[in-house]
Each structure stands twice: as C-alpha cells, then as structure tokens.
Amino acid sequence: MQYLIVFCVGGLLCAIAQVLIDKFKLTPARILVIYVTAGVFLTLIGVYKPLVEFAGAGATVPLTGFGYTLAKGAAKGVQDHGFWGIFSGGVTGSAAGIAAAVVFGFVMALIFKPKAKK
C-alpha cells in the first residue's frame, strides 16, 4: 500500500508540473525554481514534513523534496552555527544528493556520447 501512496503523491507533483508547462507555457527552469521554493516555503509553514511522513519518497524525490532538504539543513545550520548557518546549512544538508548527482552525471557522460541539440 505504501508503494501506491508514494507513486500517487510523486505522480501528482509531476502532473502539476506538466499542467504548468502545458497551460501556462512555463519553462522547465522556471518550474524547477517554483518547486524548490515551494518546498522551502511549505517546510517553513510546517506543511511539508507531514507530507514526507505520509508519502516518503513520493514527497522527497521530486524537486519540492530538495527544497524541503535545503530548509531542514538551513534550520539545523542556524541551531548549530547561529546566523551564518543559514548560508551553509542547506548545502550541508543536501550534500550527499548533490554529490550523487555530480558523480552519476559524470559516469553517464563517460558511458554515453553526449551530443549537442541541433
């Protein structure tokens, strides 16, 4: 049952992004910014954590989950280092995900031949 919940919540977030692309002609870059910012904002007002507890990876894997991770890291950074933790906490909290994206992107670039779009 948990797999179905994860799939539905993640799918709903993706469907909302697709509607934004189709109806409002937003670019993927703008949707990325909107989703990350929404994740931070929803974490700030206390709405996203219950969604993460309910949906697990369905809420943490999409871009809103990255915003959630940044906000959690910034909050922890402030607790540990005061005001300056705002700047370092988000990156520290999401460092594993960022490093994985860089490493896997590099490996895929080695395996496949990247081509410029024509």
Protein backbone atom coordinates (compact mmCIF):
# COMPACT_ATOMS: atom_id res chain seq x y z
CA MET A 1 0.00 0.00 0.00
CA GLN A 2 2.90 2.34 0.79
CA TYR A 3 4.20 1.97 -2.78
CA LEU A 4 0.84 3.11 -4.12
CA ILE A 5 0.85 6.18 -1.85
CA VAL A 6 4.41 7.07 -2.89
CA PHE A 7 3.53 6.65 -6.56
CA CYS A 8 0.35 8.74 -6.32
CA VAL A 9 1.94 11.65 -4.42
CA GLY A 10 5.02 11.74 -6.66
CA GLY A 11 2.84 11.40 -9.73
CA LEU A 12 0.59 14.22 -8.57
CA LEU A 13 3.57 16.54 -8.15
CA CYS A 14 4.75 15.62 -11.65
CA ALA A 15 1.26 16.08 -13.09
CA ILE A 16 1.04 19.57 -11.58
CA ALA A 17 4.36 20.44 -13.24
CA GLN A 18 3.07 19.12 -16.57
CA VAL A 19 -0.05 21.28 -16.28
CA LEU A 20 2.15 24.30 -15.59
CA ILE A 21 4.14 23.53 -18.74
CA ASP A 22 1.08 22.93 -20.92
CA LYS A 23 -1.35 25.60 -19.72
CA PHE A 24 0.93 28.43 -18.62
CA LYS A 25 3.83 27.78 -21.03
CA LEU A 26 6.35 27.81 -18.18
CA THR A 27 9.83 26.55 -18.96
CA PRO A 28 11.30 23.63 -17.01
CA ALA A 29 13.81 26.04 -15.42
CA ARG A 30 11.00 28.18 -14.00
CA ILE A 31 9.18 25.12 -12.72
CA LEU A 32 12.40 23.99 -11.05
CA VAL A 33 12.64 27.31 -9.21
CA ILE A 34 8.94 27.27 -8.30
CA TYR A 35 9.11 23.71 -6.96
CA VAL A 36 12.27 24.20 -4.90
CA THR A 37 10.94 27.48 -3.49
CA ALA A 38 7.58 25.86 -2.76
CA GLY A 39 9.34 23.04 -0.90
CA VAL A 40 11.19 25.57 1.26
CA PHE A 41 8.03 27.62 1.89
CA LEU A 42 5.87 24.58 2.71
CA THR A 43 8.56 23.38 5.11
CA LEU A 44 8.66 26.82 6.72
CA ILE A 45 4.93 26.81 7.44
CA GLY A 46 5.01 23.19 8.64
CA VAL A 47 3.02 21.56 5.85
CA TYR A 48 5.71 19.55 4.05
CA LYS A 49 7.01 17.45 6.95
CA PRO A 50 3.65 15.65 7.45
CA LEU A 51 3.53 15.04 3.69
CA VAL A 52 7.03 13.49 3.84
CA GLU A 53 5.96 11.29 6.75
CA PHE A 54 2.88 10.20 4.79
CA ALA A 55 4.36 9.76 1.31
CA GLY A 56 8.06 9.12 1.93
CA ALA A 57 9.98 9.11 -1.35
CA GLY A 58 6.91 10.38 -3.20
CA ALA A 59 7.49 13.70 -1.44
CA THR A 60 11.28 13.73 -1.01
CA VAL A 61 12.42 12.70 -4.51
CA PRO A 62 10.70 15.46 -6.57
CA LEU A 63 12.16 18.98 -6.61
CA THR A 64 9.93 20.07 -3.75
CA GLY A 65 11.78 17.50 -1.67
CA PHE A 66 15.06 19.25 -2.50
CA GLY A 67 13.57 22.48 -1.14
CA TYR A 68 12.49 20.56 1.97
CA THR A 69 16.03 19.24 2.43
CA LEU A 70 17.53 22.71 1.98
CA ALA A 71 15.15 24.20 4.55
CA LYS A 72 15.83 21.42 7.06
CA GLY A 73 19.58 21.85 6.60
CA ALA A 74 19.37 25.62 6.98
CA ALA A 75 17.34 25.25 10.19
CA LYS A 76 19.93 22.82 11.59
CA GLY A 77 22.73 25.15 10.48
CA VAL A 78 21.14 28.02 12.39
CA GLN A 79 20.85 25.86 15.51
CA ASP A 80 24.49 24.77 15.26
CA HIS A 81 26.22 27.92 13.96
CA GLY A 82 23.83 30.83 14.51
CA PHE A 83 23.14 33.34 11.75
CA TRP A 84 25.92 32.05 9.46
CA GLY A 85 24.33 28.61 9.45
CA ILE A 86 21.69 29.99 7.08
CA PHE A 87 24.29 30.05 4.31
CA SER A 88 25.99 26.72 4.95
CA GLY A 89 23.26 24.54 6.43
CA GLY A 90 21.23 23.97 3.27
CA VAL A 91 24.19 22.81 1.26
CA THR A 92 25.46 20.65 4.12
CA GLY A 93 22.03 19.04 4.49
CA SER A 94 21.80 18.18 0.81
CA ALA A 95 25.48 17.45 0.13
CA ALA A 96 25.00 13.70 -0.38
CA GLY A 97 22.30 14.24 -3.02
CA ILE A 98 24.32 16.90 -4.81
CA ALA A 99 27.45 14.73 -4.82
CA ALA A 100 25.48 11.74 -6.12
CA ALA A 101 24.03 13.85 -8.95
CA VAL A 102 27.50 15.03 -9.97
CA VAL A 103 29.05 11.54 -9.82
CA PHE A 104 26.21 9.81 -11.67
CA GLY A 105 26.10 12.57 -14.28
CA PHE A 106 29.82 12.16 -14.85
CA VAL A 107 29.54 8.38 -15.13
CA MET A 108 26.68 8.66 -17.63
CA ALA A 109 28.72 11.15 -19.68
CA LEU A 110 31.54 8.59 -19.83
CA ILE A 111 29.24 5.73 -20.85
CA PHE A 112 27.17 7.60 -23.42
CA LYS A 113 28.31 10.09 -26.01
CA PRO A 114 26.73 13.49 -25.26
CA LYS A 115 25.58 15.33 -28.35
CA ALA A 116 24.57 18.94 -28.84
CA LYS A 117 20.97 19.55 -29.90
CA LYS A 118 20.58 20.71 -33.49
